[in-house]
Amino acid sequence: MHYSECIPGTVTTVKAGAPTHTARAAAAYPGLNTLAKAKGKVYFGSGTDNPELTDAQYLALLSNTREFGQITPGNSMKWDATEGSRDAFNFTRGETIVALAEKNGQQVRGHTLVWHNQLPNWVSNGGFDNATLISILENHITKVVANWKGRILHWDVLNEIFNENGTWRPSVFYNTIGEAFLGIALRAARAADPYAKLYINDYNIDGTGAKSTAMYKLVEKLLAEGVPVDGIGVQAHLIVGNVSSTLQTNWERFTSLGVDVAITELDIRMTLPVDEAKLAQQAEDYKKVVTACVNVPRCVGITVWDYTDKYSWIPRFFPGQGAALPWDKDFTVKPAYEAIAAALAYN
């Protein structure tokens, strides 16, 4: 999705005047990642981006492995950031985040190798023929993945490849290469790092529907052809009061194929201003998502798309909406935090 956008053993700070139920949330639980791992999940994580790493309070909480066992670079591994000119690679920004995670003892999800968006002009408007674009695609994936070989847990190899009705989204790759670009990308990623788990990532595939059925059928087809696919990434950019009732059913359907599911970019936005009723509904919605993941054994982890409203992408792309994350802009935990923790602890 678009995203231009505490020390272990400490307790999240709650600002004076916060509701007492919010204060209890910070003190009552050992951290979301701690709870997720105790439940058999691989991690609870957060998206991040390089600009906010200069915020000391933000960085301290992001680095708290009780809360976050995994981080995803929001922008610094995308094509425009890594290969702005043909075959001229720059991994500096991505390396900053990978090195931070390694220092903290956190996992990293690589995001993202092939996407129709945030492409440099030389790719999107290069006018390359089929063979040349295949070569460019393979070269990009090979060099990016090999650069971080052995250091990335999951790669979002393919991102947002479907329209809402389950048809193929037009892109320079689909328009030039056709459906074959999917297998080419996944095979190149596997060859460059045999140990990283390879994902296809998309939004609005949370519950059952045309788009999630298209994803199911695609992964089924790719696996039958021997193409390496290890997981389906469910972005889960959701809306308060409008979370599907078929999350668990859908994710069980995905995992019946023999692949994992990861919740990769979770946020649940509301129409502003914030009020107690909206916060309460948001908490219920977060609980619903986390409970569904807990109930699906091969739902391996949950990543919120940054953890604090201070750095959320939502207000820039959905004017009048926001407050989508478990921590508010002042790093105070919200009722959503307590709901996530309770779902992980008691479900």
Protein backbone atom coordinates (compact mmCIF):
# COMPACT_ATOMS: atom_id res chain seq x y z
CA MET A 1 0.00 0.00 0.00
CA HIS A 2 1.04 3.66 -0.26
CA TYR A 3 3.25 4.64 2.63
CA SER A 4 5.36 7.72 2.00
CA GLU A 5 5.21 8.59 5.01
CA CYS A 6 10.62 1.44 24.62
CA ILE A 7 13.42 -0.26 25.91
CA PRO A 8 12.71 -3.97 26.76
CA GLY A 9 11.36 -4.28 30.26
CA THR A 10 9.72 -0.85 30.31
CA VAL A 11 6.02 -0.06 30.32
CA THR A 12 4.35 2.09 27.66
CA THR A 13 3.89 5.63 28.96
CA VAL A 14 0.31 6.82 29.32
CA LYS A 15 -0.33 10.56 29.32
CA ALA A 16 -2.12 12.21 32.21
CA GLY A 17 -5.86 12.32 31.85
CA ALA A 18 -6.13 9.22 29.68
CA PRO A 19 -9.07 6.91 30.40
CA THR A 20 -8.31 4.47 33.21
CA HIS A 21 -9.00 1.47 30.98
CA THR A 22 -6.19 2.68 28.71
CA ALA A 23 -3.78 2.96 31.63
CA ARG A 24 -4.60 -0.59 32.68
CA ALA A 25 -3.86 -1.84 29.17
CA ALA A 26 -0.22 -0.85 29.30
CA ALA A 27 0.37 -2.33 32.73
CA ALA A 28 -1.68 -5.49 32.40
CA TYR A 29 0.01 -7.18 29.46
CA PRO A 30 3.59 -8.26 28.75
CA GLY A 31 3.62 -6.76 25.22
CA LEU A 32 1.92 -7.69 21.97
CA ASN A 33 4.86 -9.57 20.48
CA THR A 34 5.37 -11.51 23.71
CA LEU A 35 1.71 -12.51 23.66
CA ALA A 36 1.72 -13.37 19.95
CA LYS A 37 4.72 -15.65 20.31
CA ALA A 38 3.19 -17.33 23.35
CA LYS A 39 0.18 -18.04 21.14
CA GLY A 40 2.38 -19.79 18.58
CA LYS A 41 2.72 -16.90 16.16
CA VAL A 42 6.09 -15.91 14.74
CA TYR A 43 5.74 -12.20 15.55
CA PHE A 44 3.66 -9.14 16.17
CA GLY A 45 5.26 -6.33 14.17
CA SER A 46 5.07 -2.80 12.80
CA GLY A 47 5.71 -1.05 9.54
CA THR A 48 8.15 1.84 9.71
CA ASP A 49 9.97 4.30 7.48
CA ASN A 50 13.29 6.11 7.63
CA PRO A 51 12.10 9.67 8.46
CA GLU A 52 10.46 8.70 11.76
CA LEU A 53 13.59 6.93 12.98
CA THR A 54 14.89 10.38 13.99
CA ASP A 55 12.08 10.56 16.59
CA ALA A 56 13.68 9.19 19.78
CA GLN A 57 10.42 8.38 21.55
CA TYR A 58 9.10 6.61 18.45
CA LEU A 59 12.33 4.66 17.96
CA ALA A 60 12.47 3.51 21.57
CA LEU A 61 9.03 1.93 21.39
CA LEU A 62 9.60 0.48 17.91
CA SER A 63 12.74 -1.17 19.29
CA ASN A 64 10.91 -2.73 22.25
CA THR A 65 10.82 -6.43 21.37
CA ARG A 66 8.12 -7.05 23.95
CA GLU A 67 5.81 -5.12 21.64
CA PHE A 68 7.37 -5.72 18.20
CA GLY A 69 9.25 -8.77 16.99
CA GLN A 70 9.28 -7.72 13.35
CA ILE A 71 9.49 -4.54 11.29
CA THR A 72 8.64 -3.83 7.64
CA PRO A 73 10.26 -0.99 5.69
CA GLY A 74 7.39 1.02 4.27
CA ASN A 75 9.21 2.56 1.32
CA SER A 76 12.95 1.99 1.37
CA MET A 77 12.97 -1.37 -0.43
CA LYS A 78 10.59 -0.38 -3.23
CA TRP A 79 11.83 -0.10 -6.81
CA ASP A 80 12.07 3.70 -6.88
CA ALA A 81 14.20 3.63 -3.73
CA THR A 82 16.52 0.77 -4.73
CA GLU A 83 17.00 1.12 -8.50
CA GLY A 84 16.20 4.69 -9.47
CA SER A 85 18.34 4.35 -12.59
CA ARG A 86 18.78 1.16 -14.57
CA ASP A 87 21.18 -1.24 -12.86
CA ALA A 88 22.31 1.48 -10.41
CA PHE A 89 21.29 0.16 -7.00
CA ASN A 90 21.12 1.98 -3.68
CA PHE A 91 20.38 -0.06 -0.56
CA THR A 92 21.29 2.56 2.04
CA ARG A 93 17.81 3.37 3.34
CA GLY A 94 16.73 -0.25 3.43
CA GLU A 95 19.94 -1.25 5.17
CA THR A 96 19.29 1.29 7.91
CA ILE A 97 16.06 -0.51 8.81
CA VAL A 98 17.47 -4.01 8.43
CA ALA A 99 20.45 -3.12 10.64
CA LEU A 100 18.12 -1.61 13.25
CA ALA A 101 16.04 -4.79 13.33
CA GLU A 102 19.13 -6.94 13.67
CA LYS A 103 20.45 -4.78 16.50
CA ASN A 104 17.11 -5.19 18.28
CA GLY A 105 16.79 -8.91 17.54
CA GLN A 106 13.75 -8.39 15.30
CA GLN A 107 12.71 -10.07 12.06
CA VAL A 108 12.27 -8.13 8.79
CA ARG A 109 9.62 -8.44 6.09
CA GLY A 110 10.95 -7.25 2.74
CA HIS A 111 8.49 -4.92 1.01
CA THR A 112 8.06 -4.95 -1.97
CA LEU A 113 9.74 -6.29 -5.13
CA VAL A 114 7.11 -5.97 -7.90
CA TRP A 115 4.37 -3.35 -7.72
CA HIS A 116 2.62 -1.20 -10.29
CA ASN A 117 3.24 1.87 -8.13
CA GLN A 118 6.37 3.74 -6.98
CA LEU A 119 8.22 2.66 -10.09
CA PRO A 120 10.92 4.94 -11.52
CA ASN A 121 10.02 6.50 -14.85
CA TRP A 122 12.63 4.47 -16.69
CA VAL A 123 10.67 1.30 -15.85
CA SER A 124 7.08 2.50 -16.18
CA ASN A 125 7.65 4.50 -19.37
CA GLY A 126 10.67 2.73 -20.84
CA GLY A 127 8.79 1.13 -23.72
CA PHE A 128 10.72 -2.13 -23.31
CA ASP A 129 9.79 -5.22 -25.28
CA ASN A 130 8.86 -8.48 -23.57
CA ALA A 131 12.34 -10.02 -23.45
CA THR A 132 14.02 -6.84 -22.25
CA LEU A 133 11.47 -6.22 -19.49
CA ILE A 134 11.81 -9.83 -18.31
CA SER A 135 15.56 -9.30 -18.07
CA ILE A 136 15.06 -6.04 -16.14
CA LEU A 137 12.58 -7.74 -13.77
CA GLU A 138 14.85 -10.69 -13.08
CA ASN A 139 17.87 -8.45 -12.59
CA HIS A 140 16.05 -6.18 -10.13
CA ILE A 141 14.70 -9.02 -8.02
CA THR A 142 17.95 -10.96 -8.07
CA LYS A 143 20.07 -8.03 -6.91
CA VAL A 144 17.67 -6.72 -4.27
CA VAL A 145 16.98 -10.11 -2.73
CA ALA A 146 20.62 -11.24 -2.91
CA ASN A 147 21.72 -8.03 -1.18
CA TRP A 148 19.82 -9.04 1.96
CA LYS A 149 20.13 -12.81 1.53
CA GLY A 150 19.66 -14.62 4.81
CA ARG A 151 18.45 -11.47 6.59
CA ILE A 152 14.82 -11.25 5.44
CA LEU A 153 12.11 -13.51 6.87
CA HIS A 154 9.38 -12.84 4.27
CA TRP A 155 9.43 -11.03 0.93
CA ASP A 156 6.35 -9.38 -0.56
CA VAL A 157 7.38 -10.45 -4.05
CA LEU A 158 4.15 -9.41 -5.77
CA ASN A 159 2.00 -6.56 -4.51
CA GLU A 160 -1.56 -5.54 -5.46
CA ILE A 161 -1.92 -7.49 -8.69
CA PHE A 162 -5.74 -7.69 -8.79
CA ASN A 163 -8.58 -5.29 -9.42
CA GLU A 164 -11.48 -5.35 -6.97
CA ASN A 165 -13.47 -7.74 -9.16
CA GLY A 166 -10.62 -10.24 -9.29
CA THR A 167 -9.38 -9.35 -12.78
CA TRP A 168 -5.74 -8.51 -13.44
CA ARG A 169 -4.64 -5.01 -12.59
CA PRO A 170 -2.99 -3.30 -15.58
CA SER A 171 0.70 -2.62 -15.02
CA VAL A 172 3.80 -2.31 -17.15
CA PHE A 173 4.65 -5.89 -16.20
CA TYR A 174 1.25 -7.42 -16.95
CA ASN A 175 0.72 -5.33 -20.07
CA THR A 176 4.10 -6.30 -21.53
CA ILE A 177 4.85 -9.78 -20.20
CA GLY A 178 1.38 -11.05 -19.35
CA GLU A 179 0.53 -13.38 -16.49
CA ALA A 180 3.93 -15.04 -16.85
CA PHE A 181 5.56 -12.17 -14.94
CA LEU A 182 4.26 -13.69 -11.69
CA GLY A 183 6.16 -16.95 -12.01
CA ILE A 184 9.23 -15.18 -13.34
CA ALA A 185 9.32 -12.92 -10.28
CA LEU A 186 8.74 -15.68 -7.74
CA ARG A 187 11.34 -17.99 -9.27
CA ALA A 188 13.93 -15.20 -9.37
CA ALA A 189 13.31 -14.43 -5.71
CA ARG A 190 13.62 -18.08 -4.71
CA ALA A 191 16.90 -18.44 -6.61
CA ALA A 192 18.33 -15.32 -4.97
CA ASP A 193 17.45 -16.43 -1.41
CA PRO A 194 16.19 -20.00 -0.99
CA TYR A 195 15.41 -19.44 2.68
CA ALA A 196 13.16 -16.38 2.57
CA LYS A 197 9.41 -17.04 2.50
CA LEU A 198 7.81 -15.64 -0.65
CA TYR A 199 4.45 -13.84 -0.45
CA ILE A 200 1.82 -12.38 -2.73
CA ASN A 201 0.37 -9.34 -0.94
CA ASP A 202 -2.89 -7.49 -1.56
CA TYR A 203 -5.66 -5.44 0.05
CA ASN A 204 -9.39 -6.19 0.25
CA ILE A 205 -8.75 -9.93 0.38
CA ASP A 206 -9.60 -10.03 4.09
CA GLY A 207 -12.94 -11.80 3.79
CA THR A 208 -14.48 -13.94 1.08
CA GLY A 209 -15.29 -12.24 -2.22
CA ALA A 210 -14.26 -11.96 -5.85
CA LYS A 211 -10.79 -10.61 -5.12
CA SER A 212 -9.93 -13.17 -2.44
CA THR A 213 -11.25 -15.95 -4.67
CA ALA A 214 -8.99 -14.72 -7.46
CA MET A 215 -6.05 -14.87 -5.02
CA TYR A 216 -6.99 -18.40 -3.96
CA LYS A 217 -7.24 -19.60 -7.55
CA LEU A 218 -3.98 -17.91 -8.53
CA VAL A 219 -1.98 -19.48 -5.70
CA GLU A 220 -3.57 -22.85 -6.42
CA LYS A 221 -2.53 -22.53 -10.08
CA LEU A 222 1.01 -21.36 -9.32
CA LEU A 223 1.60 -24.19 -6.88
CA ALA A 224 0.31 -26.72 -9.42
CA GLU A 225 2.86 -25.33 -11.89
CA GLY A 226 5.68 -25.69 -9.37
CA VAL A 227 6.08 -21.95 -8.83
CA PRO A 228 7.35 -21.14 -5.32
CA VAL A 229 4.70 -19.42 -3.17
CA ASP A 230 4.96 -19.66 0.60
CA GLY A 231 2.32 -17.25 1.77
CA ILE A 232 -0.50 -14.81 1.11
CA GLY A 233 -0.17 -11.35 2.61
CA VAL A 234 -3.47 -9.84 3.74
CA GLN A 235 -2.89 -6.10 4.01
CA ALA A 236 -6.01 -5.48 6.13
CA HIS A 237 -6.48 -1.74 5.64
CA LEU A 238 -9.91 -1.74 7.25
CA ILE A 239 -12.68 0.66 8.31
CA VAL A 240 -14.22 0.91 11.77
CA GLY A 241 -17.53 -0.93 11.90
CA ASN A 242 -16.99 -2.53 8.49
CA VAL A 243 -14.81 -5.57 9.15
CA SER A 244 -15.80 -8.76 7.34
CA SER A 245 -17.43 -11.60 9.26
CA THR A 246 -15.64 -14.15 7.05
CA LEU A 247 -12.02 -13.47 7.97
CA GLN A 248 -11.35 -16.83 9.55
CA THR A 249 -13.22 -18.74 6.84
CA ASN A 250 -11.23 -16.99 4.14
CA TRP A 251 -7.85 -17.45 5.78
CA GLU A 252 -8.59 -21.12 6.40
CA ARG A 253 -9.36 -21.40 2.70
CA PHE A 254 -6.03 -19.79 1.84
CA THR A 255 -4.04 -22.01 4.20
CA SER A 256 -5.79 -25.14 2.90
CA LEU A 257 -3.55 -24.69 -0.13
CA GLY A 258 -0.54 -25.41 2.07
CA VAL A 259 0.66 -21.81 2.36
CA ASP A 260 0.88 -19.41 5.28
CA VAL A 261 -1.10 -16.22 5.81
CA ALA A 262 0.34 -13.04 7.31
CA ILE A 263 -1.58 -9.89 8.23
CA THR A 264 0.85 -7.44 6.70
CA GLU A 265 -0.41 -3.83 6.91
CA LEU A 266 -3.17 -3.73 9.52
CA ASP A 267 -4.90 -0.48 10.38
CA ILE A 268 -8.56 0.28 11.07
CA ARG A 269 -9.48 3.87 10.23
CA MET A 270 -12.39 5.97 11.41
CA THR A 271 -14.08 9.18 10.33
CA LEU A 272 -12.75 12.00 12.49
CA PRO A 273 -13.18 13.37 15.08
CA VAL A 274 -12.40 10.56 17.49
CA ASP A 275 -14.95 9.74 20.18
CA GLU A 276 -15.38 7.00 22.75
CA ALA A 277 -17.96 5.10 20.70
CA LYS A 278 -15.65 4.95 17.69
CA LEU A 279 -12.72 3.86 19.84
CA ALA A 280 -14.84 1.12 21.36
CA GLN A 281 -15.92 -0.13 17.93
CA GLN A 282 -12.34 0.04 16.69
CA ALA A 283 -11.27 -2.09 19.64
CA GLU A 284 -13.90 -4.68 18.76
CA ASP A 285 -12.74 -4.66 15.16
CA TYR A 286 -9.10 -5.18 16.10
CA LYS A 287 -10.18 -7.99 18.39
CA LYS A 288 -12.06 -9.62 15.52
CA VAL A 289 -9.01 -9.53 13.22
CA VAL A 290 -6.57 -10.81 15.84
CA THR A 291 -8.94 -13.53 17.02
CA ALA A 292 -9.31 -14.79 13.45
CA CYS A 293 -5.53 -14.97 13.11
CA VAL A 294 -5.19 -16.77 16.43
CA ASN A 295 -7.78 -19.31 15.28
CA VAL A 296 -5.95 -20.06 12.02
CA PRO A 297 -2.75 -21.98 12.89
CA ARG A 298 -0.96 -20.94 9.70
CA CYS A 299 -1.67 -17.24 10.23
CA VAL A 300 1.92 -16.65 11.25
CA GLY A 301 2.02 -13.01 12.25
CA ILE A 302 0.38 -9.60 12.42
CA THR A 303 1.97 -6.31 11.36
CA VAL A 304 0.31 -2.96 12.03
CA TRP A 305 1.03 -0.36 9.35
CA ASP A 306 3.12 1.71 11.66
CA TYR A 307 1.98 1.57 15.23
CA THR A 308 1.19 5.21 16.05
CA ASP A 309 -1.29 7.65 14.56
CA LYS A 310 1.57 10.19 14.49
CA TYR A 311 3.02 8.48 11.43
CA SER A 312 -0.05 6.89 9.83
CA TRP A 313 -0.46 7.17 6.05
CA ILE A 314 -4.25 7.33 6.36
CA PRO A 315 -4.92 11.10 6.72
CA ARG A 316 -2.87 11.90 3.60
CA PHE A 317 -4.81 9.49 1.41
CA PHE A 318 -8.23 9.56 3.10
CA PRO A 319 -8.86 13.18 4.16
CA GLY A 320 -11.13 13.38 7.19
CA GLN A 321 -10.20 9.89 8.34
CA GLY A 322 -7.51 8.60 10.65
CA ALA A 323 -6.85 7.44 14.23
CA ALA A 324 -6.32 3.99 12.73
CA LEU A 325 -3.64 2.51 14.98
CA PRO A 326 -3.29 1.05 18.50
CA TRP A 327 -1.19 3.97 19.76
CA ASP A 328 -2.32 7.57 19.34
CA LYS A 329 -0.14 10.45 18.10
CA ASP A 330 1.21 10.98 21.62
CA PHE A 331 2.23 7.31 21.93
CA THR A 332 -0.61 6.60 24.35
CA VAL A 333 -2.17 3.18 24.00
CA LYS A 334 -5.81 3.16 22.88
CA PRO A 335 -8.62 0.68 23.63
CA ALA A 336 -7.52 -1.14 20.46
CA TYR A 337 -4.26 -2.07 22.19
CA GLU A 338 -6.09 -3.69 25.08
CA ALA A 339 -8.37 -5.53 22.65
CA ILE A 340 -5.40 -6.91 20.68
CA ALA A 341 -3.66 -7.97 23.87
CA ALA A 342 -6.77 -9.61 25.25
CA ALA A 343 -7.40 -11.50 22.02
CA LEU A 344 -3.83 -12.82 22.08
CA ALA A 345 -3.86 -13.60 25.80
CA TYR A 346 -7.27 -15.12 26.34
CA ASN A 347 -8.72 -16.24 23.02
